[in-house]
């Protein structure tokens, strides 16, 4: 069985971790559907902080 958070639960979690150094990662996983392995494998060269795209390779 897969547990899925409600919108209220997700909002509560993101509010709770707002000051966490990994907040951007939690946001990406929660709202853009990154899988744990994809998130763990991200490298700085995969992220363009100026233009905004992120490449999962």
PDB file of N, CA and C in Angstrom:
ATOM      1  N   UNK A   1       0.837  -1.182   0.000  1.00  0.00           N
ATOM      2  CA  UNK A   1       0.000   0.000   0.000  1.00  0.00           C
ATOM      3  C   UNK A   1       0.886   1.251   0.000  1.00  0.00           C
ATOM      4  N   UNK A   2       0.564   2.197  -0.838  1.00  0.00           N
ATOM      5  CA  UNK A   2       1.320   3.436  -0.925  1.00  0.00           C
ATOM      6  C   UNK A   2       0.568   4.522  -0.164  1.00  0.00           C
ATOM      7  N   UNK A   3       1.274   5.179   0.752  1.00  0.00           N
ATOM      8  CA  UNK A   3       0.662   6.276   1.494  1.00  0.00           C
ATOM      9  C   UNK A   3       0.896   7.575   0.730  1.00  0.00           C
ATOM     10  N   UNK A   4      -0.151   8.326   0.530  1.00  0.00           N
ATOM     11  CA  UNK A   4      -0.064   9.600  -0.170  1.00  0.00           C
ATOM     12  C   UNK A   4      -0.552  10.684   0.783  1.00  0.00           C
ATOM     13  N   UNK A   5       0.226  11.750   0.874  1.00  0.00           N
ATOM     14  CA  UNK A   5      -0.172  12.860   1.746  1.00  0.00           C
ATOM     15  C   UNK A   5      -1.283  13.668   1.100  1.00  0.00           C
ATOM     16  N   UNK A   6      -2.122  14.224   1.938  1.00  0.00           N
ATOM     17  CA  UNK A   6      -3.124  15.171   1.451  1.00  0.00           C
ATOM     18  C   UNK A   6      -2.411  16.502   1.189  1.00  0.00           C
ATOM     19  N   UNK A   7      -3.083  17.400   0.504  1.00  0.00           N
ATOM     20  CA  UNK A   7      -2.514  18.726   0.249  1.00  0.00           C
ATOM     21  C   UNK A   7      -2.199  19.438   1.561  1.00  0.00           C
ATOM     22  N   UNK A   8      -3.060  19.288   2.551  1.00  0.00           N
ATOM     23  CA  UNK A   8      -2.844  19.932   3.852  1.00  0.00           C
ATOM     24  C   UNK A   8      -1.622  19.340   4.559  1.00  0.00           C
ATOM     25  N   UNK A   9      -1.444  18.024   4.482  1.00  0.00           N
ATOM     26  CA  UNK A   9      -0.284  17.392   5.100  1.00  0.00           C
ATOM     27  C   UNK A   9       1.008  17.837   4.427  1.00  0.00           C
ATOM     28  N   UNK A  10       0.999  17.904   3.100  1.00  0.00           N
ATOM     29  CA  UNK A  10       2.179  18.346   2.365  1.00  0.00           C
ATOM     30  C   UNK A  10       2.510  19.794   2.702  1.00  0.00           C
ATOM     31  N   UNK A  11       1.516  20.650   2.732  1.00  0.00           N
ATOM     32  CA  UNK A  11       1.738  22.054   3.086  1.00  0.00           C
ATOM     33  C   UNK A  11       2.305  22.166   4.494  1.00  0.00           C
ATOM     34  N   UNK A  12       1.805  21.363   5.410  1.00  0.00           N
ATOM     35  CA  UNK A  12       2.304  21.367   6.788  1.00  0.00           C
ATOM     36  C   UNK A  12       3.763  20.925   6.838  1.00  0.00           C
ATOM     37  N   UNK A  13       4.100  19.869   6.091  1.00  0.00           N
ATOM     38  CA  UNK A  13       5.478  19.394   6.057  1.00  0.00           C
ATOM     39  C   UNK A  13       6.408  20.452   5.486  1.00  0.00           C
ATOM     40  N   UNK A  14       6.041  21.040   4.344  1.00  0.00           N
ATOM     41  CA  UNK A  14       6.899  22.043   3.712  1.00  0.00           C
ATOM     42  C   UNK A  14       7.052  23.271   4.601  1.00  0.00           C
ATOM     43  N   UNK A  15       6.016  23.614   5.330  1.00  0.00           N
ATOM     44  CA  UNK A  15       6.117  24.717   6.274  1.00  0.00           C
ATOM     45  C   UNK A  15       7.081  24.359   7.407  1.00  0.00           C
ATOM     46  N   UNK A  16       7.021  23.126   7.870  1.00  0.00           N
ATOM     47  CA  UNK A  16       7.877  22.663   8.971  1.00  0.00           C
ATOM     48  C   UNK A  16       9.356  22.658   8.575  1.00  0.00           C
ATOM     49  N   UNK A  17       9.660  22.299   7.324  1.00  0.00           N
ATOM     50  CA  UNK A  17      11.063  22.203   6.882  1.00  0.00           C
ATOM     51  C   UNK A  17      11.541  23.455   6.149  1.00  0.00           C
ATOM     52  N   UNK A  18      10.779  24.526   6.201  1.00  0.00           N
ATOM     53  CA  UNK A  18      11.111  25.749   5.461  1.00  0.00           C
ATOM     54  C   UNK A  18      12.523  26.250   5.723  1.00  0.00           C
ATOM     55  N   UNK A  19      13.031  26.100   6.934  1.00  0.00           N
ATOM     56  CA  UNK A  19      14.377  26.579   7.274  1.00  0.00           C
ATOM     57  C   UNK A  19      15.459  25.507   7.131  1.00  0.00           C
ATOM     58  N   UNK A  20      15.081  24.327   6.690  1.00  0.00           N
ATOM     59  CA  UNK A  20      16.029  23.235   6.502  1.00  0.00           C
ATOM     60  C   UNK A  20      16.928  23.545   5.294  1.00  0.00           C
ATOM     61  N   UNK A  21      18.197  23.200   5.386  1.00  0.00           N
ATOM     62  CA  UNK A  21      19.110  23.445   4.271  1.00  0.00           C
ATOM     63  C   UNK A  21      18.722  22.649   3.022  1.00  0.00           C
ATOM     64  N   UNK A  22      17.952  21.608   3.185  1.00  0.00           N
ATOM     65  CA  UNK A  22      17.510  20.791   2.050  1.00  0.00           C
ATOM     66  C   UNK A  22      16.092  21.132   1.588  1.00  0.00           C
ATOM     67  N   UNK A  23      15.598  22.283   1.983  1.00  0.00           N
ATOM     68  CA  UNK A  23      14.216  22.656   1.628  1.00  0.00           C
ATOM     69  C   UNK A  23      13.950  22.564   0.126  1.00  0.00           C
ATOM     70  N   UNK A  24      14.869  23.069  -0.674  1.00  0.00           N
ATOM     71  CA  UNK A  24      14.667  23.029  -2.132  1.00  0.00           C
ATOM     72  C   UNK A  24      14.530  21.588  -2.619  1.00  0.00           C
ATOM     73  N   UNK A  25      15.287  20.681  -2.027  1.00  0.00           N
ATOM     74  CA  UNK A  25      15.193  19.267  -2.404  1.00  0.00           C
ATOM     75  C   UNK A  25      13.845  18.691  -1.993  1.00  0.00           C
ATOM     76  N   UNK A  26      13.394  18.986  -0.774  1.00  0.00           N
ATOM     77  CA  UNK A  26      12.073  18.498  -0.322  1.00  0.00           C
ATOM     78  C   UNK A  26      10.985  19.026  -1.241  1.00  0.00           C
ATOM     79  N   UNK A  27      11.108  20.297  -1.657  1.00  0.00           N
ATOM     80  CA  UNK A  27      10.121  20.912  -2.539  1.00  0.00           C
ATOM     81  C   UNK A  27      10.097  20.200  -3.890  1.00  0.00           C
ATOM     82  N   UNK A  28      11.285  19.940  -4.444  1.00  0.00           N
ATOM     83  CA  UNK A  28      11.364  19.249  -5.733  1.00  0.00           C
ATOM     84  C   UNK A  28      10.753  17.858  -5.666  1.00  0.00           C
ATOM     85  N   UNK A  29      11.070  17.137  -4.601  1.00  0.00           N
ATOM     86  CA  UNK A  29      10.535  15.780  -4.465  1.00  0.00           C
ATOM     87  C   UNK A  29       9.009  15.830  -4.329  1.00  0.00           C
ATOM     88  N   UNK A  30       8.533  16.743  -3.512  1.00  0.00           N
ATOM     89  CA  UNK A  30       7.096  16.803  -3.230  1.00  0.00           C
ATOM     90  C   UNK A  30       6.277  17.342  -4.394  1.00  0.00           C
ATOM     91  N   UNK A  31       6.765  18.385  -5.050  1.00  0.00           N
ATOM     92  CA  UNK A  31       5.936  19.075  -6.028  1.00  0.00           C
ATOM     93  C   UNK A  31       6.308  18.827  -7.483  1.00  0.00           C
ATOM     94  N   UNK A  32       7.446  18.202  -7.727  1.00  0.00           N
ATOM     95  CA  UNK A  32       7.849  17.924  -9.103  1.00  0.00           C
ATOM     96  C   UNK A  32       8.046  16.438  -9.367  1.00  0.00           C
ATOM     97  N   UNK A  33       7.812  15.618  -8.350  1.00  0.00           N
ATOM     98  CA  UNK A  33       7.797  14.183  -8.547  1.00  0.00           C
ATOM     99  C   UNK A  33       9.144  13.492  -8.668  1.00  0.00           C
ATOM    100  N   UNK A  34      10.212  14.144  -8.206  1.00  0.00           N
ATOM    101  CA  UNK A  34      11.504  13.464  -8.233  1.00  0.00           C
ATOM    102  C   UNK A  34      11.458  12.231  -7.340  1.00  0.00           C
ATOM    103  N   UNK A  35      12.027  11.161  -7.823  1.00  0.00           N
ATOM    104  CA  UNK A  35      12.148   9.951  -7.004  1.00  0.00           C
ATOM    105  C   UNK A  35      13.362  10.090  -6.101  1.00  0.00           C
ATOM    106  N   UNK A  36      13.409   9.298  -5.042  1.00  0.00           N
ATOM    107  CA  UNK A  36      14.536   9.375  -4.100  1.00  0.00           C
ATOM    108  C   UNK A  36      15.867   9.191  -4.795  1.00  0.00           C
ATOM    109  N   UNK A  37      15.972   8.204  -5.682  1.00  0.00           N
ATOM    110  CA  UNK A  37      17.220   7.947  -6.394  1.00  0.00           C
ATOM    111  C   UNK A  37      17.609   9.089  -7.317  1.00  0.00           C
ATOM    112  N   UNK A  38      16.626   9.694  -7.956  1.00  0.00           N
ATOM    113  CA  UNK A  38      16.900  10.840  -8.822  1.00  0.00           C
ATOM    114  C   UNK A  38      17.405  12.020  -8.003  1.00  0.00           C
ATOM    115  N   UNK A  39      16.769  12.255  -6.870  1.00  0.00           N
ATOM    116  CA  UNK A  39      17.185  13.362  -6.006  1.00  0.00           C
ATOM    117  C   UNK A  39      18.580  13.118  -5.439  1.00  0.00           C
ATOM    118  N   UNK A  40      18.841  11.888  -5.029  1.00  0.00           N
ATOM    119  CA  UNK A  40      20.150  11.558  -4.446  1.00  0.00           C
ATOM    120  C   UNK A  40      21.264  11.639  -5.485  1.00  0.00           C
ATOM    121  N   UNK A  41      20.931  11.423  -6.747  1.00  0.00           N
ATOM    122  CA  UNK A  41      21.937  11.431  -7.796  1.00  0.00           C
ATOM    123  C   UNK A  41      22.179  12.783  -8.449  1.00  0.00           C
ATOM    124  N   UNK A  42      21.462  13.813  -7.998  1.00  0.00           N
ATOM    125  CA  UNK A  42      21.654  15.137  -8.593  1.00  0.00           C
ATOM    126  C   UNK A  42      23.062  15.658  -8.345  1.00  0.00           C
ATOM    127  N   UNK A  43      23.612  16.280  -9.378  1.00  0.00           N
ATOM    128  CA  UNK A  43      24.923  16.924  -9.254  1.00  0.00           C
ATOM    129  C   UNK A  43      24.731  18.399  -9.567  1.00  0.00           C
ATOM    130  N   UNK A  44      25.647  19.231  -9.095  1.00  0.00           N
ATOM    131  CA  UNK A  44      25.535  20.662  -9.346  1.00  0.00           C
ATOM    132  C   UNK A  44      25.520  20.976 -10.837  1.00  0.00           C
ATOM    133  N   UNK A  45      26.225  20.170 -11.641  1.00  0.00           N
ATOM    134  CA  UNK A  45      26.239  20.436 -13.087  1.00  0.00           C
ATOM    135  C   UNK A  45      24.885  20.149 -13.734  1.00  0.00           C
ATOM    136  N   UNK A  46      24.006  19.445 -13.035  1.00  0.00           N
ATOM    137  CA  UNK A  46      22.679  19.122 -13.553  1.00  0.00           C
ATOM    138  C   UNK A  46      21.667  20.246 -13.300  1.00  0.00           C
ATOM    139  N   UNK A  47      22.074  21.258 -12.530  1.00  0.00           N
ATOM    140  CA  UNK A  47      21.158  22.330 -12.121  1.00  0.00           C
ATOM    141  C   UNK A  47      21.667  23.661 -12.651  1.00  0.00           C
ATOM    142  N   UNK A  48      20.805  24.377 -13.367  1.00  0.00           N
ATOM    143  CA  UNK A  48      21.147  25.713 -13.843  1.00  0.00           C
ATOM    144  C   UNK A  48      20.411  26.713 -12.952  1.00  0.00           C
ATOM    145  N   UNK A  49      21.124  27.276 -11.994  1.00  0.00           N
ATOM    146  CA  UNK A  49      20.501  28.175 -11.033  1.00  0.00           C
ATOM    147  C   UNK A  49      20.090  29.521 -11.651  1.00  0.00           C
ATOM    148  N   UNK A  50      20.633  29.861 -12.807  1.00  0.00           N
ATOM    149  CA  UNK A  50      20.303  31.130 -13.438  1.00  0.00           C
ATOM    150  C   UNK A  50      19.054  31.026 -14.318  1.00  0.00           C
ATOM    151  N   UNK A  51      18.969  29.973 -15.094  1.00  0.00           N
ATOM    152  CA  UNK A  51      17.831  29.804 -16.004  1.00  0.00           C
ATOM    153  C   UNK A  51      16.715  28.960 -15.403  1.00  0.00           C
ATOM    154  N   UNK A  52      17.043  28.100 -14.449  1.00  0.00           N
ATOM    155  CA  UNK A  52      16.032  27.323 -13.762  1.00  0.00           C
ATOM    156  C   UNK A  52      15.892  25.860 -14.131  1.00  0.00           C
ATOM    157  N   UNK A  53      16.388  25.399 -15.285  1.00  0.00           N
ATOM    158  CA  UNK A  53      16.174  23.981 -15.586  1.00  0.00           C
ATOM    159  C   UNK A  53      17.021  23.049 -14.732  1.00  0.00           C
ATOM    160  N   UNK A  54      16.483  21.869 -14.551  1.00  0.00           N
ATOM    161  CA  UNK A  54      17.152  20.811 -13.815  1.00  0.00           C
ATOM    162  C   UNK A  54      17.125  19.587 -14.695  1.00  0.00           C
ATOM    163  N   UNK A  55      18.268  18.938 -14.900  1.00  0.00           N
ATOM    164  CA  UNK A  55      18.338  17.746 -15.733  1.00  0.00           C
ATOM    165  C   UNK A  55      18.584  16.522 -14.871  1.00  0.00           C
ATOM    166  N   UNK A  56      17.674  15.565 -14.951  1.00  0.00           N
ATOM    167  CA  UNK A  56      17.855  14.300 -14.240  1.00  0.00           C
ATOM    168  C   UNK A  56      18.507  13.343 -15.223  1.00  0.00           C
ATOM    169  N   UNK A  57      19.769  13.002 -14.966  1.00  0.00           N
ATOM    170  CA  UNK A  57      20.505  12.120 -15.866  1.00  0.00           C
ATOM    171  C   UNK A  57      21.045  10.919 -15.125  1.00  0.00           C
TER     172      UNK A  57
END
